[in-house]
């Protein structure tokens, strides 16, 4: 090929086949990665469901609170507010 000749835009047959094979491998790897991600998310979801609190019998407890003794105030203050 001389300097004045234009290079061919067509790729040789083997290069095209390698490119197709490479794209298939990349797609297969991406599909397997996505499948693994979905599988792991399913496991995480199942573990979350297993670890949630179980509902049991309802237990009600009743307590009576006694008020604390209070001392009378030492001084009282009256405040008058007038509005216009």
C-alpha atoms as a PDB file:
ATOM      1  CA  UNK A   1       0.000   0.000   0.000  1.00  0.00           C
ATOM      2  CA  UNK A   2       1.411   3.364  -0.907  1.00  0.00           C
ATOM      3  CA  UNK A   3       0.886   6.634   0.929  1.00  0.00           C
ATOM      4  CA  UNK A   4      -1.600   7.843  -1.660  1.00  0.00           C
ATOM      5  CA  UNK A   5      -3.893   4.824  -1.388  1.00  0.00           C
ATOM      6  CA  UNK A   6      -6.797   5.070   0.993  1.00  0.00           C
ATOM      7  CA  UNK A   7      -7.000   2.319   3.577  1.00  0.00           C
ATOM      8  CA  UNK A   8      -9.946   0.029   3.187  1.00  0.00           C
ATOM      9  CA  UNK A   9     -12.838   0.704   5.532  1.00  0.00           C
ATOM     10  CA  UNK A  10     -13.792  -2.927   5.585  1.00  0.00           C
ATOM     11  CA  UNK A  11     -12.263  -4.962   8.317  1.00  0.00           C
ATOM     12  CA  UNK A  12     -10.801  -8.304   7.558  1.00  0.00           C
ATOM     13  CA  UNK A  13     -13.100 -11.219   8.165  1.00  0.00           C
ATOM     14  CA  UNK A  14     -11.199 -12.500  11.216  1.00  0.00           C
ATOM     15  CA  UNK A  15     -11.291  -9.079  12.891  1.00  0.00           C
ATOM     16  CA  UNK A  16     -15.066  -8.886  12.441  1.00  0.00           C
ATOM     17  CA  UNK A  17     -15.491 -12.372  13.869  1.00  0.00           C
ATOM     18  CA  UNK A  18     -13.322 -11.478  16.879  1.00  0.00           C
ATOM     19  CA  UNK A  19     -15.366  -8.335  17.425  1.00  0.00           C
ATOM     20  CA  UNK A  20     -18.626 -10.311  17.289  1.00  0.00           C
ATOM     21  CA  UNK A  21     -17.233 -12.909  19.673  1.00  0.00           C
ATOM     22  CA  UNK A  22     -16.014 -10.205  22.032  1.00  0.00           C
ATOM     23  CA  UNK A  23     -19.423  -8.479  22.029  1.00  0.00           C
ATOM     24  CA  UNK A  24     -21.144 -11.802  22.719  1.00  0.00           C
ATOM     25  CA  UNK A  25     -18.788 -12.474  25.626  1.00  0.00           C
ATOM     26  CA  UNK A  26     -19.394  -8.985  27.024  1.00  0.00           C
ATOM     27  CA  UNK A  27     -23.171  -9.412  26.723  1.00  0.00           C
ATOM     28  CA  UNK A  28     -23.028 -12.848  28.352  1.00  0.00           C
ATOM     29  CA  UNK A  29     -20.884 -11.500  31.207  1.00  0.00           C
ATOM     30  CA  UNK A  30     -23.280  -8.576  31.703  1.00  0.00           C
ATOM     31  CA  UNK A  31     -26.252 -10.955  31.744  1.00  0.00           C
ATOM     32  CA  UNK A  32     -24.527 -13.206  34.287  1.00  0.00           C
ATOM     33  CA  UNK A  33     -23.645 -10.186  36.424  1.00  0.00           C
ATOM     34  CA  UNK A  34     -27.235  -8.971  36.336  1.00  0.00           C
ATOM     35  CA  UNK A  35     -28.486 -12.450  37.192  1.00  0.00           C
ATOM     36  CA  UNK A  36     -26.073 -12.633  40.147  1.00  0.00           C
ATOM     37  CA  UNK A  37     -27.225  -9.198  41.346  1.00  0.00           C
ATOM     38  CA  UNK A  38     -30.895 -10.235  41.203  1.00  0.00           C
ATOM     39  CA  UNK A  39     -30.054 -13.453  43.054  1.00  0.00           C
ATOM     40  CA  UNK A  40     -28.213 -11.583  45.812  1.00  0.00           C
ATOM     41  CA  UNK A  41     -31.071  -9.084  46.147  1.00  0.00           C
ATOM     42  CA  UNK A  42     -33.478 -12.009  46.526  1.00  0.00           C
ATOM     43  CA  UNK A  43     -31.343 -13.494  49.289  1.00  0.00           C
ATOM     44  CA  UNK A  44     -31.168 -10.128  51.068  1.00  0.00           C
ATOM     45  CA  UNK A  45     -34.943  -9.718  50.820  1.00  0.00           C
ATOM     46  CA  UNK A  46     -35.555 -13.227  52.179  1.00  0.00           C
ATOM     47  CA  UNK A  47     -33.181 -12.629  55.109  1.00  0.00           C
ATOM     48  CA  UNK A  48     -34.982  -9.377  55.881  1.00  0.00           C
ATOM     49  CA  UNK A  49     -38.299 -11.209  56.007  1.00  0.00           C
ATOM     50  CA  UNK A  50     -36.824 -13.898  58.276  1.00  0.00           C
ATOM     51  CA  UNK A  51     -35.333 -11.392  60.737  1.00  0.00           C
ATOM     52  CA  UNK A  52     -38.424  -9.249  61.251  1.00  0.00           C
ATOM     53  CA  UNK A  53     -40.056  -9.388  64.688  1.00  0.00           C
ATOM     54  CA  UNK A  54     -42.676 -12.035  65.163  1.00  0.00           C
ATOM     55  CA  UNK A  55     -46.093 -10.996  66.327  1.00  0.00           C
ATOM     56  CA  UNK A  56     -46.982 -12.802  69.521  1.00  0.00           C
ATOM     57  CA  UNK A  57     -49.694 -12.676  72.151  1.00  0.00           C
ATOM     58  CA  UNK A  58     -50.812  -9.227  73.173  1.00  0.00           C
ATOM     59  CA  UNK A  59     -49.775  -8.409  76.738  1.00  0.00           C
ATOM     60  CA  UNK A  60     -51.420  -5.498  78.492  1.00  0.00           C
ATOM     61  CA  UNK A  61     -50.089  -4.188  81.765  1.00  0.00           C
ATOM     62  CA  UNK A  62     -51.988  -1.706  83.934  1.00  0.00           C
ATOM     63  CA  UNK A  63     -50.261   0.504  86.513  1.00  0.00           C
ATOM     64  CA  UNK A  64     -51.665   3.142  88.764  1.00  0.00           C
ATOM     65  CA  UNK A  65     -49.369   6.091  89.304  1.00  0.00           C
ATOM     66  CA  UNK A  66     -49.544   7.912  92.603  1.00  0.00           C
ATOM     67  CA  UNK A  67     -49.015  11.684  92.407  1.00  0.00           C
ATOM     68  CA  UNK A  68     -45.977  13.122  94.152  1.00  0.00           C
ATOM     69  CA  UNK A  69     -46.646  15.335  97.162  1.00  0.00           C
ATOM     70  CA  UNK A  70     -46.567  19.046  96.364  1.00  0.00           C
ATOM     71  CA  UNK A  71     -45.752  21.925  98.625  1.00  0.00           C
ATOM     72  CA  UNK A  72     -47.784  25.115  98.509  1.00  0.00           C
ATOM     73  CA  UNK A  73     -46.180  28.000  96.597  1.00  0.00           C
ATOM     74  CA  UNK A  74     -44.128  30.426  98.678  1.00  0.00           C
ATOM     75  CA  UNK A  75     -45.604  33.498  97.012  1.00  0.00           C
ATOM     76  CA  UNK A  76     -48.250  34.260  94.406  1.00  0.00           C
ATOM     77  CA  UNK A  77     -48.125  36.910  91.719  1.00  0.00           C
ATOM     78  CA  UNK A  78     -51.063  38.483  89.900  1.00  0.00           C
ATOM     79  CA  UNK A  79     -50.474  39.750  86.364  1.00  0.00           C
ATOM     80  CA  UNK A  80     -52.978  42.055  84.675  1.00  0.00           C
ATOM     81  CA  UNK A  81     -52.880  42.449  80.903  1.00  0.00           C
ATOM     82  CA  UNK A  82     -54.821  45.209  79.200  1.00  0.00           C
ATOM     83  CA  UNK A  83     -55.388  45.152  75.484  1.00  0.00           C
ATOM     84  CA  UNK A  84     -56.080  48.307  73.485  1.00  0.00           C
END
